[in-house]
C-alpha atoms as a PDB file:
ATOM      1  CA  MET A   1    -242.484 233.873  -6.403  1.00  0.00           C
ATOM      2  CA  LYS A   2    -242.464 233.168 -10.124  1.00  0.00           C
ATOM      3  CA  ASN A   3    -245.960 231.616  -9.946  1.00  0.00           C
ATOM      4  CA  ASN A   4    -247.292 234.694  -8.113  1.00  0.00           C
ATOM      5  CA  ARG A   5    -245.835 236.996 -10.760  1.00  0.00           C
ATOM      6  CA  HIS A   6    -247.395 234.879 -13.513  1.00  0.00           C
ATOM      7  CA  THR A   7    -250.809 234.967 -11.789  1.00  0.00           C
ATOM      8  CA  PHE A   8    -250.539 238.757 -11.424  1.00  0.00           C
ATOM      9  CA  GLN A   9    -249.811 239.086 -15.148  1.00  0.00           C
ATOM     10  CA  ILE A  10    -252.932 237.084 -16.012  1.00  0.00           C
ATOM     11  CA  ILE A  11    -255.113 239.190 -13.677  1.00  0.00           C
ATOM     12  CA  ALA A  12    -253.646 242.416 -15.081  1.00  0.00           C
ATOM     13  CA  SER A  13    -254.341 241.243 -18.630  1.00  0.00           C
ATOM     14  CA  VAL A  14    -257.964 240.457 -17.759  1.00  0.00           C
ATOM     15  CA  VAL A  15    -258.401 243.898 -16.141  1.00  0.00           C
ATOM     16  CA  ILE A  16    -256.991 245.601 -19.236  1.00  0.00           C
ATOM     17  CA  LEU A  17    -259.348 243.632 -21.486  1.00  0.00           C
ATOM     18  CA  VAL A  18    -262.342 244.564 -19.307  1.00  0.00           C
ATOM     19  CA  VAL A  19    -261.363 248.226 -19.579  1.00  0.00           C
ATOM     20  CA  LEU A  20    -261.095 247.876 -23.368  1.00  0.00           C
ATOM     21  CA  ILE A  21    -264.564 246.359 -23.511  1.00  0.00           C
ATOM     22  CA  TYR A  22    -265.951 249.232 -21.449  1.00  0.00           C
ATOM     23  CA  PHE A  23    -264.421 251.898 -23.688  1.00  0.00           C
ATOM     24  CA  SER A  24    -265.400 250.028 -26.844  1.00  0.00           C
ATOM     25  CA  GLN A  25    -269.027 250.013 -25.697  1.00  0.00           C
ATOM     26  CA  THR A  26    -268.848 253.701 -24.842  1.00  0.00           C
ATOM     27  CA  TYR A  27    -267.057 255.078 -27.907  1.00  0.00           C
ATOM     28  CA  PHE A  28    -267.584 252.454 -30.623  1.00  0.00           C
ATOM     29  CA  GLY A  29    -270.511 250.551 -32.068  1.00  0.00           C
ATOM     30  CA  ASP A  30    -271.966 247.347 -30.709  1.00  0.00           C
ATOM     31  CA  GLU A  31    -270.353 245.304 -33.498  1.00  0.00           C
ATOM     32  CA  ILE A  32    -266.825 246.322 -32.485  1.00  0.00           C
ATOM     33  CA  SER A  33    -267.725 245.732 -28.853  1.00  0.00           C
ATOM     34  CA  GLU A  34    -268.951 242.194 -29.591  1.00  0.00           C
ATOM     35  CA  ILE A  35    -265.753 241.385 -31.482  1.00  0.00           C
ATOM     36  CA  ILE A  36    -263.635 242.579 -28.561  1.00  0.00           C
ATOM     37  CA  THR A  37    -265.815 240.588 -26.145  1.00  0.00           C
ATOM     38  CA  ILE A  38    -265.313 237.405 -28.183  1.00  0.00           C
ATOM     39  CA  LEU A  39    -261.569 237.989 -28.410  1.00  0.00           C
ATOM     40  CA  THR A  40    -261.487 238.566 -24.665  1.00  0.00           C
ATOM     41  CA  ALA A  41    -263.271 235.260 -24.031  1.00  0.00           C
ATOM     42  CA  ILE A  42    -260.852 233.442 -26.306  1.00  0.00           C
ATOM     43  CA  ALA A  43    -257.881 235.072 -24.584  1.00  0.00           C
ATOM     44  CA  GLY A  44    -259.293 234.051 -21.212  1.00  0.00           C
ATOM     45  CA  VAL A  45    -259.680 230.436 -22.274  1.00  0.00           C
ATOM     46  CA  ILE A  46    -256.129 230.394 -23.629  1.00  0.00           C
ATOM     47  CA  ALA A  47    -254.795 231.855 -20.362  1.00  0.00           C
ATOM     48  CA  ILE A  48    -256.653 229.242 -18.299  1.00  0.00           C
ATOM     49  CA  LEU A  49    -255.442 226.377 -20.476  1.00  0.00           C
ATOM     50  CA  TYR A  50    -251.895 227.688 -20.288  1.00  0.00           C
ATOM     51  CA  GLN A  51    -252.041 227.903 -16.499  1.00  0.00           C
ATOM     52  CA  LEU A  52    -253.523 224.394 -16.187  1.00  0.00           C
ATOM     53  CA  ARG A  53    -250.871 223.022 -18.512  1.00  0.00           C
ATOM     54  CA  LYS A  54    -248.149 224.726 -16.496  1.00  0.00           C
ATOM     55  CA  ASP A  55    -249.553 223.457 -13.195  1.00  0.00           C
ATOM     56  CA  TYR A  56    -249.780 219.925 -14.635  1.00  0.00           C
ATOM     57  CA  THR A  57    -246.150 220.085 -15.757  1.00  0.00           C
ATOM     58  CA  ILE A  58    -245.028 221.249 -12.317  1.00  0.00           C
ATOM     59  CA  THR A  59    -247.087 218.533 -10.629  1.00  0.00           C
ATOM     60  CA  LYS A  60    -245.727 215.865 -12.962  1.00  0.00           C
ATOM     61  CA  ALA A  61    -242.148 216.964 -12.363  1.00  0.00           C
ATOM     62  CA  GLY A  62    -242.725 216.968  -8.608  1.00  0.00           C
ATOM     63  CA  PHE A  63    -244.233 213.496  -8.733  1.00  0.00           C
ATOM     64  CA  ILE A  64    -241.269 212.076 -10.644  1.00  0.00           C
ATOM     65  CA  TYR A  65    -238.926 213.805  -8.205  1.00  0.00           C
ATOM     66  CA  SER A  66    -240.759 212.251  -5.257  1.00  0.00           C
ATOM     67  CA  LEU A  67    -240.492 208.799  -6.846  1.00  0.00           C
ATOM     68  CA  ASN A  68    -236.754 209.213  -7.235  1.00  0.00           C
ATOM     69  CA  ASP A  69    -236.462 210.657  -3.741  1.00  0.00           C
ATOM     70  CA  THR A  70    -238.294 207.643  -2.301  1.00  0.00           C
ATOM     71  CA  PHE A  71    -235.888 205.337  -4.110  1.00  0.00           C
ATOM     72  CA  SER A  72    -232.830 207.194  -2.848  1.00  0.00           C
ATOM     73  CA  ASN A  73    -233.991 207.436   0.769  1.00  0.00           C
ATOM     74  CA  ASN A  74    -234.780 203.768   1.324  1.00  0.00           C
ATOM     75  CA  SER A  75    -231.715 202.171   2.909  1.00  0.00           C
ATOM     76  CA  GLU A  76    -232.593 198.650   1.753  1.00  0.00           C
ATOM     77  CA  ILE A  77    -233.081 199.783  -1.843  1.00  0.00           C
ATOM     78  CA  VAL A  78    -229.862 201.793  -1.776  1.00  0.00           C
ATOM     79  CA  TYR A  79    -227.973 198.797  -0.395  1.00  0.00           C
ATOM     80  CA  ILE A  80    -229.185 196.486  -3.184  1.00  0.00           C
ATOM     81  CA  TYR A  81    -228.660 199.163  -5.846  1.00  0.00           C
ATOM     82  CA  LYS A  82    -225.055 199.560  -4.686  1.00  0.00           C
ATOM     83  CA  LEU A  83    -224.477 195.799  -4.988  1.00  0.00           C
ATOM     84  CA  LEU A  84    -226.083 195.728  -8.427  1.00  0.00           C
ATOM     85  CA  LYS A  85    -223.752 198.468  -9.663  1.00  0.00           C
ATOM     86  CA  GLU A  86    -220.758 196.668  -8.203  1.00  0.00           C
ATOM     87  CA  TYR A  87    -221.800 193.501 -10.008  1.00  0.00           C
ATOM     88  CA  ARG A  88    -222.257 195.473 -13.237  1.00  0.00           C
ATOM     89  CA  ASP A  89    -218.691 196.740 -12.989  1.00  0.00           C
ATOM     90  CA  LYS A  90    -217.195 193.534 -11.669  1.00  0.00           C
ATOM     91  CA  GLU A  91    -219.158 190.314 -12.093  1.00  0.00           C
ATOM     92  CA  SER A  92    -217.072 188.511  -9.496  1.00  0.00           C
ATOM     93  CA  ILE A  93    -219.252 190.155  -6.824  1.00  0.00           C
ATOM     94  CA  VAL A  94    -221.359 187.520  -5.060  1.00  0.00           C
ATOM     95  CA  PHE A  95    -224.818 188.106  -3.600  1.00  0.00           C
ATOM     96  CA  THR A  96    -225.574 186.098  -0.477  1.00  0.00           C
ATOM     97  CA  GLU A  97    -228.925 184.589   0.474  1.00  0.00           C
ATOM     98  CA  ASP A  98    -229.335 187.422   2.964  1.00  0.00           C
ATOM     99  CA  ASP A  99    -228.800 189.919   0.139  1.00  0.00           C
ATOM    100  CA  GLY A 100    -231.498 188.071  -1.776  1.00  0.00           C
ATOM    101  CA  ARG A 101    -233.939 188.464   1.104  1.00  0.00           C
ATOM    102  CA  ARG A 102    -233.117 192.170   1.316  1.00  0.00           C
ATOM    103  CA  MET A 103    -234.329 192.700  -2.261  1.00  0.00           C
ATOM    104  CA  GLY A 104    -237.932 192.900  -1.038  1.00  0.00           C
ATOM    105  CA  ASP A 105    -238.158 196.702  -0.920  1.00  0.00           C
ATOM    106  CA  TYR A 106    -236.623 196.964  -4.397  1.00  0.00           C
ATOM    107  CA  ILE A 107    -239.247 194.541  -5.697  1.00  0.00           C
ATOM    108  CA  MET A 108    -242.066 196.385  -3.941  1.00  0.00           C
ATOM    109  CA  TYR A 109    -240.896 199.753  -5.284  1.00  0.00           C
ATOM    110  CA  PHE A 110    -241.241 198.648  -8.895  1.00  0.00           C
ATOM    111  CA  GLU A 111    -244.461 196.761  -8.208  1.00  0.00           C
ATOM    112  CA  ILE A 112    -245.889 200.093  -7.039  1.00  0.00           C
ATOM    113  CA  MET A 113    -244.527 201.765 -10.165  1.00  0.00           C
ATOM    114  CA  GLY A 114    -246.243 199.086 -12.260  1.00  0.00           C
ATOM    115  CA  TYR A 115    -249.495 199.868 -10.457  1.00  0.00           C
ATOM    116  CA  LEU A 116    -249.082 203.594 -11.157  1.00  0.00           C
ATOM    117  CA  LEU A 117    -248.591 202.784 -14.845  1.00  0.00           C
ATOM    118  CA  ASP A 118    -251.656 200.537 -14.911  1.00  0.00           C
ATOM    119  CA  GLU A 119    -253.740 203.313 -13.344  1.00  0.00           C
ATOM    120  CA  ASP A 120    -252.375 205.907 -15.841  1.00  0.00           C
ATOM    121  CA  MET A 121    -250.968 207.980 -12.987  1.00  0.00           C
ATOM    122  CA  VAL A 122    -247.602 207.980 -14.751  1.00  0.00           C
ATOM    123  CA  THR A 123    -246.561 206.972 -18.261  1.00  0.00           C
ATOM    124  CA  ILE A 124    -243.756 204.666 -19.300  1.00  0.00           C
ATOM    125  CA  GLN A 125    -242.242 207.570 -21.222  1.00  0.00           C
ATOM    126  CA  MET A 126    -242.103 209.632 -18.008  1.00  0.00           C
ATOM    127  CA  VAL A 127    -240.253 206.998 -16.007  1.00  0.00           C
ATOM    128  CA  ASP A 128    -238.023 205.492 -18.697  1.00  0.00           C
ATOM    129  CA  LYS A 129    -235.241 208.065 -18.713  1.00  0.00           C
ATOM    130  CA  ILE A 130    -234.820 208.155 -14.946  1.00  0.00           C
ATOM    131  CA  PHE A 131    -235.669 204.637 -13.835  1.00  0.00           C
ATOM    132  CA  SER A 132    -234.863 202.309 -16.742  1.00  0.00           C
ATOM    133  CA  ASN A 133    -231.288 201.737 -15.566  1.00  0.00           C
ATOM    134  CA  LYS A 134    -232.442 201.027 -12.008  1.00  0.00           C
ATOM    135  CA  PHE A 135    -235.083 198.586 -13.239  1.00  0.00           C
ATOM    136  CA  PHE A 136    -233.163 196.585 -15.825  1.00  0.00           C
ATOM    137  CA  LEU A 137    -230.043 196.541 -13.671  1.00  0.00           C
ATOM    138  CA  PHE A 138    -232.208 194.691 -11.173  1.00  0.00           C
ATOM    139  CA  VAL A 139    -234.291 192.299 -13.303  1.00  0.00           C
ATOM    140  CA  ASN A 140    -231.445 191.402 -15.670  1.00  0.00           C
ATOM    141  CA  ASN A 141    -229.188 190.230 -12.879  1.00  0.00           C
ATOM    142  CA  PRO A 142    -228.594 186.509 -12.273  1.00  0.00           C
ATOM    143  CA  TYR A 143    -228.736 186.870  -8.481  1.00  0.00           C
ATOM    144  CA  THR A 144    -232.042 188.754  -8.650  1.00  0.00           C
ATOM    145  CA  GLN A 145    -233.356 185.997 -10.885  1.00  0.00           C
ATOM    146  CA  LYS A 146    -232.041 183.350  -8.509  1.00  0.00           C
ATOM    147  CA  TYR A 147    -233.248 184.775  -5.209  1.00  0.00           C
ATOM    148  CA  GLN A 148    -236.420 186.614  -6.238  1.00  0.00           C
ATOM    149  CA  LEU A 149    -237.708 186.281  -9.775  1.00  0.00           C
ATOM    150  CA  LYS A 150    -237.644 182.500  -9.754  1.00  0.00           C
ATOM    151  CA  TYR A 151    -240.767 182.815  -7.589  1.00  0.00           C
ATOM    152  CA  SER A 152    -242.594 183.907 -10.687  1.00  0.00           C
ATOM    153  CA  ARG A 153    -246.135 183.702  -9.372  1.00  0.00           C
ATOM    154  CA  ILE A 154    -245.345 185.934  -6.390  1.00  0.00           C
ATOM    155  CA  ASN A 155    -243.470 188.483  -8.498  1.00  0.00           C
ATOM    156  CA  LYS A 156    -245.723 188.360 -11.555  1.00  0.00           C
ATOM    157  CA  PRO A 157    -246.260 192.181 -11.466  1.00  0.00           C
ATOM    158  CA  ILE A 158    -242.516 192.674 -11.970  1.00  0.00           C
ATOM    159  CA  LEU A 159    -242.509 190.310 -14.951  1.00  0.00           C
ATOM    160  CA  GLU A 160    -245.504 192.154 -16.414  1.00  0.00           C
ATOM    161  CA  LEU A 161    -243.693 195.459 -15.955  1.00  0.00           C
ATOM    162  CA  TYR A 162    -240.641 193.942 -17.632  1.00  0.00           C
ATOM    163  CA  CYS A 163    -242.743 193.095 -20.702  1.00  0.00           C
ATOM    164  CA  THR A 164    -244.340 196.552 -20.825  1.00  0.00           C
ATOM    165  CA  TRP A 165    -241.009 198.318 -20.437  1.00  0.00           C
ATOM    166  CA  SER A 166    -239.125 196.087 -22.872  1.00  0.00           C
ATOM    167  CA  ASN A 167    -241.776 196.561 -25.549  1.00  0.00           C
ATOM    168  CA  TYR A 168    -241.711 200.328 -25.040  1.00  0.00           C
ATOM    169  CA  ARG A 169    -237.949 200.426 -25.518  1.00  0.00           C
ATOM    170  CA  LEU A 170    -238.257 198.187 -28.585  1.00  0.00           C
ATOM    171  CA  LYS A 171    -240.895 200.501 -30.052  1.00  0.00           C
ATOM    172  CA  THR A 172    -238.753 203.590 -29.445  1.00  0.00           C
ATOM    173  CA  GLY A 173    -235.634 201.994 -30.919  1.00  0.00           C
ATOM    174  CA  GLN A 174    -233.760 201.501 -27.651  1.00  0.00           C
ATOM    175  CA  LYS A 175    -231.810 198.413 -26.705  1.00  0.00           C
ATOM    176  CA  GLU A 176    -232.562 196.294 -23.686  1.00  0.00           C
ATOM    177  CA  LEU A 177    -230.196 197.214 -20.888  1.00  0.00           C
ATOM    178  CA  TYR A 178    -227.945 194.463 -19.496  1.00  0.00           C
ATOM    179  CA  HIS A 179    -229.200 192.038 -22.125  1.00  0.00           C
ATOM    180  CA  ASN A 180    -226.475 189.488 -21.332  1.00  0.00           C
ATOM    181  CA  HIS A 181    -228.654 188.355 -18.450  1.00  0.00           C
ATOM    182  CA  SER A 182    -231.998 189.103 -20.073  1.00  0.00           C
ATOM    183  CA  LEU A 183    -235.117 187.638 -18.531  1.00  0.00           C
ATOM    184  CA  THR A 184    -236.099 186.414 -21.983  1.00  0.00           C
ATOM    185  CA  LYS A 185    -233.751 183.472 -21.511  1.00  0.00           C
ATOM    186  CA  PHE A 186    -236.405 182.080 -19.170  1.00  0.00           C
ATOM    187  CA  GLU A 187    -238.869 180.852 -21.766  1.00  0.00           C
ATOM    188  CA  SER A 188    -241.083 179.485 -19.020  1.00  0.00           C
ATOM    189  CA  TYR A 189    -241.647 183.138 -17.995  1.00  0.00           C
ATOM    190  CA  ILE A 190    -241.414 185.191 -21.153  1.00  0.00           C
ATOM    191  CA  ASN A 191    -242.402 184.586 -24.762  1.00  0.00           C
ATOM    192  CA  LYS A 192    -240.428 186.517 -27.372  1.00  0.00           C
ATOM    193  CA  ASP A 193    -241.394 186.673 -31.049  1.00  0.00           C
ATOM    194  CA  ASP A 194    -239.142 187.162 -34.077  1.00  0.00           C
ATOM    195  CA  ASN A 195    -239.586 190.938 -33.892  1.00  0.00           C
ATOM    196  CA  GLY A 196    -238.372 191.088 -30.304  1.00  0.00           C
ATOM    197  CA  HIS A 197    -241.816 191.738 -28.799  1.00  0.00           C
ATOM    198  CA  VAL A 198    -242.219 190.026 -25.418  1.00  0.00           C
ATOM    199  CA  GLU A 199    -245.186 188.894 -23.389  1.00  0.00           C
ATOM    200  CA  LEU A 200    -245.797 186.884 -20.267  1.00  0.00           C
ATOM    201  CA  ASN A 201    -246.097 183.161 -20.843  1.00  0.00           C
ATOM    202  CA  PRO A 202    -249.734 182.287 -20.028  1.00  0.00           C
ATOM    203  CA  ASP A 203    -248.572 178.864 -18.781  1.00  0.00           C
ATOM    204  CA  MET A 204    -245.928 180.433 -16.551  1.00  0.00           C
ATOM    205  CA  MET A 205    -244.986 178.337 -13.586  1.00  0.00           C
ATOM    206  CA  ASP A 206    -242.329 178.486 -10.912  1.00  0.00           C
ATOM    207  CA  VAL A 207    -238.951 177.364 -12.189  1.00  0.00           C
ATOM    208  CA  GLY A 208    -236.272 176.161  -9.812  1.00  0.00           C
ATOM    209  CA  TYR A 209    -232.511 176.385 -10.047  1.00  0.00           C
ATOM    210  CA  ASP A 210    -229.969 173.606  -9.878  1.00  0.00           C
END
């Protein structure tokens, strides 16, 4: 309803400007008419750009909403997310091997998000506020690292996303979430310089657990 009203306002404005041009040509000189014509063209361009910008904002908001909705409606993801939050609040919670196997959808979700970032379909700034907790709660968890991320070659996209996201938060002055179990402790996976910048270890290899 609001979009229809906005479109009507734009059309009405264009009609009024056309009428002004007509009367300016009839009652005023050509010079005044040309000025009004130019101003009308400029106004039209501004209106189009405004509408495109508004449509892009609506589309972007809808896309982010759909990403969050997908996360919330996947029972396997919700199950793991619930366990992760329980572990955050009480580290005595134990993940079983079956829980570890059920992390697959969670992994795949953020691998897809990494792909969307690589293809510039979303930006890290767009997803950080909504998804940073969900992501770092997962990767900076010892049971995630034990059951999933130790297979570093298979889950390389997640480690790459971790580097991209960590460096973004460093650049914007934000701390790494759940740093007590930071992935940077695995030097075989992640290289970290003195400034806190991280990158994937080019010689990364699978690391087992005792």
